[in-house]
Amino acid sequence: MKRCPITYKKIAASENYSQRGLHLLSPQLKDLHPLLLSADVMNEIQRALPNWQALLKVSFMSQAMKEKYLALLKKRSERLELFTD
């Protein structure tokens, strides 16, 4: 078993996100392609954003450098696109 990176609920090995996690992002979202980030980065994002929105802005420290990320939810293509400032 693995955990959903949005809700931290246990999910099947074949799933990437829980249905509850997808619904928190958007009620219309049925699937989302996995975001290829390390577990540490995903944990930091989850702590920074208790209430996920369609447009996310995250700021955190990484190796003594402050990086800012902007994530845009693309519902039609079921993807999150990440941008750095």
Foldseek 3Di string as FASTA:
>chain_A
DAAALQPRDDDDPVANHDLVSQVLAPVVADHAPHDPDDSVVSVQQCVQPVRHYQWDKDWDDDPNDIKIKIWHQDRVVRYIDIDID
